[in-house]
């Protein structure tokens, strides 16, 4: 294999990867006429949260943020799967028992 053919193959692979990445759906939230990533929405929400604290002490932030993210995630996935917990667990990459535990934890069952 020549250096030229290696470069061509590498360029073709990179193009295929970029094309596949472009087809991959991204989690976005509509904001007027633009789209924003879920990560940026969370970042903005946390920034707002900290700005509103006004020096007040905070504890157990991690479980609070997880609950704020998990509840709507579980609700929308169950809505998408029409309440099918087996499909929902598969979609989330969770064991069905773990999904049921989380649904009970958040009063969604």
N, C-alpha and C. Protein backbone atom coordinates (compact mmCIF):
# COMPACT_ATOMS: atom_id res chain seq x y z
N UNK A 1 0.85 -1.17 0.00
CA UNK A 1 0.00 0.00 0.00
C UNK A 1 0.90 1.24 0.00
N UNK A 2 0.61 2.16 -0.88
CA UNK A 2 1.42 3.38 -0.99
C UNK A 2 0.94 4.41 0.01
N UNK A 3 1.78 5.41 0.24
CA UNK A 3 1.43 6.50 1.15
C UNK A 3 0.18 7.23 0.65
N UNK A 4 0.08 7.39 -0.65
CA UNK A 4 -1.08 8.07 -1.24
C UNK A 4 -2.38 7.30 -0.97
N UNK A 5 -2.34 5.97 -1.12
CA UNK A 5 -3.54 5.18 -0.89
C UNK A 5 -3.91 5.15 0.59
N UNK A 6 -2.91 5.19 1.48
CA UNK A 6 -3.18 5.25 2.92
C UNK A 6 -3.86 6.57 3.25
N UNK A 7 -3.35 7.68 2.69
CA UNK A 7 -3.96 8.98 2.93
C UNK A 7 -5.39 9.04 2.40
N UNK A 8 -5.61 8.46 1.23
CA UNK A 8 -6.95 8.43 0.64
C UNK A 8 -7.90 7.62 1.51
N UNK A 9 -7.43 6.45 1.96
CA UNK A 9 -8.26 5.60 2.83
C UNK A 9 -8.57 6.30 4.14
N UNK A 10 -7.58 6.98 4.71
CA UNK A 10 -7.78 7.70 5.98
C UNK A 10 -8.79 8.83 5.79
N UNK A 11 -8.67 9.56 4.68
CA UNK A 11 -9.60 10.65 4.40
C UNK A 11 -11.01 10.12 4.21
N UNK A 12 -11.15 8.98 3.52
CA UNK A 12 -12.46 8.38 3.29
C UNK A 12 -13.08 7.94 4.62
N UNK A 13 -12.26 7.33 5.50
CA UNK A 13 -12.76 6.89 6.81
C UNK A 13 -13.20 8.09 7.64
N UNK A 14 -12.41 9.17 7.62
CA UNK A 14 -12.76 10.38 8.37
C UNK A 14 -14.07 10.97 7.85
N UNK A 15 -14.24 10.99 6.55
CA UNK A 15 -15.47 11.51 5.95
C UNK A 15 -16.66 10.65 6.36
N UNK A 16 -16.50 9.33 6.34
CA UNK A 16 -17.58 8.43 6.75
C UNK A 16 -17.94 8.64 8.20
N UNK A 17 -16.92 8.82 9.07
CA UNK A 17 -17.18 9.05 10.50
C UNK A 17 -17.93 10.36 10.69
N UNK A 18 -17.52 11.41 9.98
CA UNK A 18 -18.20 12.70 10.09
C UNK A 18 -19.63 12.62 9.61
N UNK A 19 -19.86 11.87 8.54
CA UNK A 19 -21.20 11.70 8.00
C UNK A 19 -22.07 10.93 9.00
N UNK A 20 -21.51 9.86 9.59
CA UNK A 20 -22.26 9.08 10.58
C UNK A 20 -22.57 9.94 11.81
N UNK A 21 -21.62 10.75 12.22
CA UNK A 21 -21.83 11.63 13.37
C UNK A 21 -22.92 12.65 13.08
N UNK A 22 -22.97 13.14 11.86
CA UNK A 22 -23.99 14.12 11.49
C UNK A 22 -25.38 13.51 11.51
N UNK A 23 -25.49 12.22 11.20
CA UNK A 23 -26.79 11.54 11.20
C UNK A 23 -27.24 11.19 12.61
N UNK A 24 -26.33 11.12 13.54
CA UNK A 24 -26.64 10.75 14.92
C UNK A 24 -27.46 11.85 15.58
N UNK A 25 -28.61 11.50 16.18
CA UNK A 25 -29.43 12.55 16.81
C UNK A 25 -28.74 13.12 18.04
N UNK A 26 -28.90 14.39 18.26
CA UNK A 26 -28.34 15.06 19.42
C UNK A 26 -29.47 15.54 20.31
N UNK A 27 -29.25 15.50 21.60
CA UNK A 27 -30.26 15.99 22.54
C UNK A 27 -30.23 17.51 22.49
N UNK A 28 -31.31 18.09 22.01
CA UNK A 28 -31.40 19.54 21.94
C UNK A 28 -32.74 19.98 22.48
N UNK A 29 -32.78 21.21 22.88
CA UNK A 29 -34.02 21.80 23.35
C UNK A 29 -34.25 23.05 22.51
N UNK A 30 -35.45 23.17 21.97
CA UNK A 30 -35.74 24.32 21.11
C UNK A 30 -35.79 25.59 21.94
N UNK A 31 -35.09 26.60 21.48
CA UNK A 31 -35.15 27.94 22.07
C UNK A 31 -35.42 28.89 20.94
N UNK A 32 -36.58 29.39 20.87
CA UNK A 32 -37.06 30.23 19.77
C UNK A 32 -36.71 29.57 18.45
N UNK A 33 -35.87 30.19 17.65
CA UNK A 33 -35.56 29.63 16.34
C UNK A 33 -34.22 28.90 16.33
N UNK A 34 -33.57 28.78 17.47
CA UNK A 34 -32.28 28.09 17.55
C UNK A 34 -32.43 26.85 18.40
N UNK A 35 -31.44 25.99 18.33
CA UNK A 35 -31.41 24.80 19.17
C UNK A 35 -30.23 24.90 20.11
N UNK A 36 -30.41 24.41 21.31
CA UNK A 36 -29.36 24.42 22.31
C UNK A 36 -29.19 23.00 22.83
N UNK A 37 -27.99 22.64 23.21
CA UNK A 37 -27.77 21.29 23.71
C UNK A 37 -28.32 21.15 25.12
N UNK A 38 -28.64 19.94 25.46
CA UNK A 38 -29.11 19.64 26.81
C UNK A 38 -28.05 20.05 27.83
N UNK A 39 -26.80 19.78 27.52
CA UNK A 39 -25.70 20.14 28.42
C UNK A 39 -25.68 21.64 28.70
N UNK A 40 -25.86 22.44 27.67
CA UNK A 40 -25.86 23.89 27.87
C UNK A 40 -27.07 24.36 28.66
N UNK A 41 -28.20 23.71 28.47
CA UNK A 41 -29.39 24.05 29.25
C UNK A 41 -29.17 23.74 30.73
N UNK A 42 -28.55 22.60 31.00
CA UNK A 42 -28.25 22.23 32.39
C UNK A 42 -27.26 23.23 32.98
N UNK A 43 -26.23 23.55 32.21
CA UNK A 43 -25.21 24.51 32.66
C UNK A 43 -25.86 25.86 33.00
N UNK A 44 -26.75 26.33 32.14
CA UNK A 44 -27.43 27.60 32.36
C UNK A 44 -28.32 27.53 33.61
N UNK A 45 -29.03 26.41 33.75
CA UNK A 45 -29.91 26.25 34.92
C UNK A 45 -29.11 26.24 36.22
N UNK A 46 -27.97 25.56 36.21
CA UNK A 46 -27.11 25.54 37.40
C UNK A 46 -26.55 26.92 37.69
N UNK A 47 -26.18 27.62 36.65
CA UNK A 47 -25.68 28.98 36.83
C UNK A 47 -26.76 29.86 37.47
N UNK A 48 -27.99 29.77 36.97
CA UNK A 48 -29.11 30.51 37.55
C UNK A 48 -29.34 30.12 39.01
N UNK A 49 -29.27 28.82 39.27
CA UNK A 49 -29.47 28.32 40.64
C UNK A 49 -28.45 28.93 41.59
N UNK A 50 -27.16 28.88 41.19
CA UNK A 50 -26.12 29.42 42.06
C UNK A 50 -26.25 30.94 42.21
N UNK A 51 -26.66 31.61 41.18
CA UNK A 51 -26.84 33.07 41.27
C UNK A 51 -27.97 33.44 42.23
N UNK A 52 -28.98 32.59 42.33
CA UNK A 52 -30.11 32.87 43.21
C UNK A 52 -29.85 32.51 44.67
N UNK A 53 -28.78 31.77 44.93
CA UNK A 53 -28.49 31.36 46.31
C UNK A 53 -28.14 32.53 47.21
N UNK A 54 -27.50 33.53 46.66
CA UNK A 54 -27.15 34.71 47.43
C UNK A 54 -26.39 34.35 48.71
N UNK A 55 -25.40 33.46 48.59
CA UNK A 55 -24.56 33.09 49.72
C UNK A 55 -25.13 32.01 50.62
N UNK A 56 -26.33 31.57 50.36
CA UNK A 56 -26.95 30.53 51.17
C UNK A 56 -26.19 29.20 51.01
N UNK A 57 -26.04 28.46 52.09
CA UNK A 57 -25.33 27.18 52.06
C UNK A 57 -26.14 26.14 51.29
N UNK A 58 -25.44 25.27 50.58
CA UNK A 58 -26.07 24.22 49.79
C UNK A 58 -25.45 22.89 50.18
N UNK A 59 -26.28 21.85 50.23
CA UNK A 59 -25.76 20.51 50.44
C UNK A 59 -26.57 19.55 49.58
N UNK A 60 -26.00 18.42 49.31
CA UNK A 60 -26.65 17.36 48.54
C UNK A 60 -27.14 17.85 47.18
N UNK A 61 -26.31 18.63 46.52
CA UNK A 61 -26.64 19.15 45.19
C UNK A 61 -26.72 18.03 44.15
N UNK A 62 -25.80 17.08 44.23
CA UNK A 62 -25.73 16.01 43.24
C UNK A 62 -27.04 15.22 43.15
N UNK A 63 -27.57 14.69 44.27
CA UNK A 63 -28.85 13.96 44.15
C UNK A 63 -30.00 14.84 43.69
N UNK A 64 -29.98 16.12 44.05
CA UNK A 64 -31.03 17.03 43.61
C UNK A 64 -30.99 17.20 42.08
N UNK A 65 -29.80 17.41 41.54
CA UNK A 65 -29.66 17.59 40.09
C UNK A 65 -30.03 16.30 39.37
N UNK A 66 -29.59 15.15 39.90
CA UNK A 66 -29.94 13.88 39.27
C UNK A 66 -31.45 13.68 39.23
N UNK A 67 -32.12 13.99 40.31
CA UNK A 67 -33.58 13.84 40.35
C UNK A 67 -34.24 14.78 39.34
N UNK A 68 -33.73 16.02 39.24
CA UNK A 68 -34.29 16.98 38.29
C UNK A 68 -34.12 16.51 36.85
N UNK A 69 -33.07 15.74 36.59
CA UNK A 69 -32.83 15.23 35.24
C UNK A 69 -33.55 13.90 35.02
N UNK A 70 -33.51 13.03 36.02
CA UNK A 70 -34.08 11.68 35.85
C UNK A 70 -35.59 11.67 35.71
N UNK A 71 -36.27 12.48 36.48
CA UNK A 71 -37.73 12.45 36.45
C UNK A 71 -38.28 12.75 35.05
N UNK A 72 -37.90 13.88 34.43
CA UNK A 72 -38.43 14.11 33.08
C UNK A 72 -37.91 13.10 32.07
N UNK A 73 -36.70 12.61 32.27
CA UNK A 73 -36.15 11.59 31.37
C UNK A 73 -37.01 10.33 31.43
N UNK A 74 -37.30 9.87 32.63
CA UNK A 74 -38.12 8.66 32.80
C UNK A 74 -39.53 8.89 32.25
N UNK A 75 -40.09 10.05 32.54
CA UNK A 75 -41.45 10.35 32.04
C UNK A 75 -41.50 10.32 30.52
N UNK A 76 -40.55 10.97 29.87
CA UNK A 76 -40.58 11.05 28.40
C UNK A 76 -40.27 9.70 27.76
N UNK A 77 -39.37 8.93 28.36
CA UNK A 77 -39.06 7.61 27.80
C UNK A 77 -40.27 6.69 27.94
N UNK A 78 -40.95 6.74 29.07
CA UNK A 78 -42.16 5.93 29.23
C UNK A 78 -43.25 6.38 28.26
N UNK A 79 -43.35 7.67 28.05
CA UNK A 79 -44.32 8.19 27.08
C UNK A 79 -43.95 7.68 25.68
N UNK A 80 -42.68 7.74 25.34
CA UNK A 80 -42.21 7.30 24.02
C UNK A 80 -42.46 5.81 23.80
N UNK A 81 -42.29 5.01 24.86
CA UNK A 81 -42.50 3.55 24.75
C UNK A 81 -43.92 3.15 25.10
N UNK A 82 -44.81 4.14 25.25
CA UNK A 82 -46.22 3.91 25.59
C UNK A 82 -46.38 3.07 26.86
N UNK A 83 -45.53 3.37 27.84
CA UNK A 83 -45.61 2.70 29.13
C UNK A 83 -44.97 1.33 29.20
N UNK A 84 -44.35 0.90 28.11
CA UNK A 84 -43.70 -0.42 28.09
C UNK A 84 -42.37 -0.31 28.84
N UNK A 85 -42.35 -0.84 30.06
CA UNK A 85 -41.16 -0.73 30.90
C UNK A 85 -39.98 -1.53 30.36
N UNK A 86 -40.24 -2.65 29.72
CA UNK A 86 -39.16 -3.45 29.15
C UNK A 86 -38.45 -2.67 28.06
N UNK A 87 -39.24 -2.05 27.17
CA UNK A 87 -38.65 -1.23 26.10
C UNK A 87 -37.97 0.01 26.68
N UNK A 88 -38.57 0.60 27.68
CA UNK A 88 -37.99 1.79 28.31
C UNK A 88 -36.65 1.45 28.95
N UNK A 89 -36.59 0.34 29.65
CA UNK A 89 -35.34 -0.07 30.29
C UNK A 89 -34.25 -0.31 29.24
N UNK A 90 -34.64 -0.96 28.15
CA UNK A 90 -33.69 -1.23 27.07
C UNK A 90 -33.19 0.08 26.45
N UNK A 91 -34.11 1.00 26.19
CA UNK A 91 -33.75 2.28 25.61
C UNK A 91 -32.79 3.06 26.52
N UNK A 92 -33.01 2.98 27.82
CA UNK A 92 -32.18 3.69 28.79
C UNK A 92 -30.88 2.96 29.11
N UNK A 93 -30.79 1.69 28.73
CA UNK A 93 -29.60 0.92 29.06
C UNK A 93 -29.59 0.49 30.52
N UNK A 94 -30.80 0.30 31.07
CA UNK A 94 -30.95 -0.12 32.46
C UNK A 94 -31.57 -1.50 32.53
N UNK A 95 -31.34 -2.16 33.63
CA UNK A 95 -32.05 -3.39 33.96
C UNK A 95 -33.48 -2.99 34.27
N UNK A 96 -34.45 -3.83 33.90
CA UNK A 96 -35.85 -3.49 34.15
C UNK A 96 -36.12 -3.29 35.65
N UNK A 97 -35.47 -4.07 36.48
CA UNK A 97 -35.63 -3.92 37.92
C UNK A 97 -35.12 -2.57 38.41
N UNK A 98 -34.02 -2.11 37.84
CA UNK A 98 -33.47 -0.80 38.19
C UNK A 98 -34.42 0.30 37.77
N UNK A 99 -35.00 0.15 36.57
CA UNK A 99 -35.98 1.13 36.11
C UNK A 99 -37.17 1.19 37.06
N UNK A 100 -37.70 0.04 37.45
CA UNK A 100 -38.85 0.00 38.36
C UNK A 100 -38.50 0.65 39.70
N UNK A 101 -37.29 0.41 40.18
CA UNK A 101 -36.84 1.00 41.44
C UNK A 101 -36.83 2.53 41.33
N UNK A 102 -36.33 3.05 40.21
CA UNK A 102 -36.30 4.49 40.01
C UNK A 102 -37.71 5.06 39.86
N UNK A 103 -38.57 4.35 39.17
CA UNK A 103 -39.96 4.81 39.01
C UNK A 103 -40.64 4.89 40.38
N UNK A 104 -40.42 3.90 41.23
CA UNK A 104 -40.99 3.94 42.59
C UNK A 104 -40.38 5.07 43.40
N UNK A 105 -39.06 5.24 43.28
CA UNK A 105 -38.34 6.28 44.03
C UNK A 105 -38.94 7.66 43.75
N UNK A 106 -39.32 7.91 42.51
CA UNK A 106 -39.82 9.22 42.12
C UNK A 106 -41.35 9.28 42.07
N UNK A 107 -42.01 8.23 42.54
CA UNK A 107 -43.47 8.20 42.56
C UNK A 107 -44.09 8.15 41.18
N UNK A 108 -43.41 7.53 40.25
CA UNK A 108 -43.90 7.44 38.88
C UNK A 108 -44.52 6.08 38.57
N UNK A 109 -44.61 5.23 39.56
CA UNK A 109 -45.18 3.89 39.35
C UNK A 109 -46.45 3.73 40.12
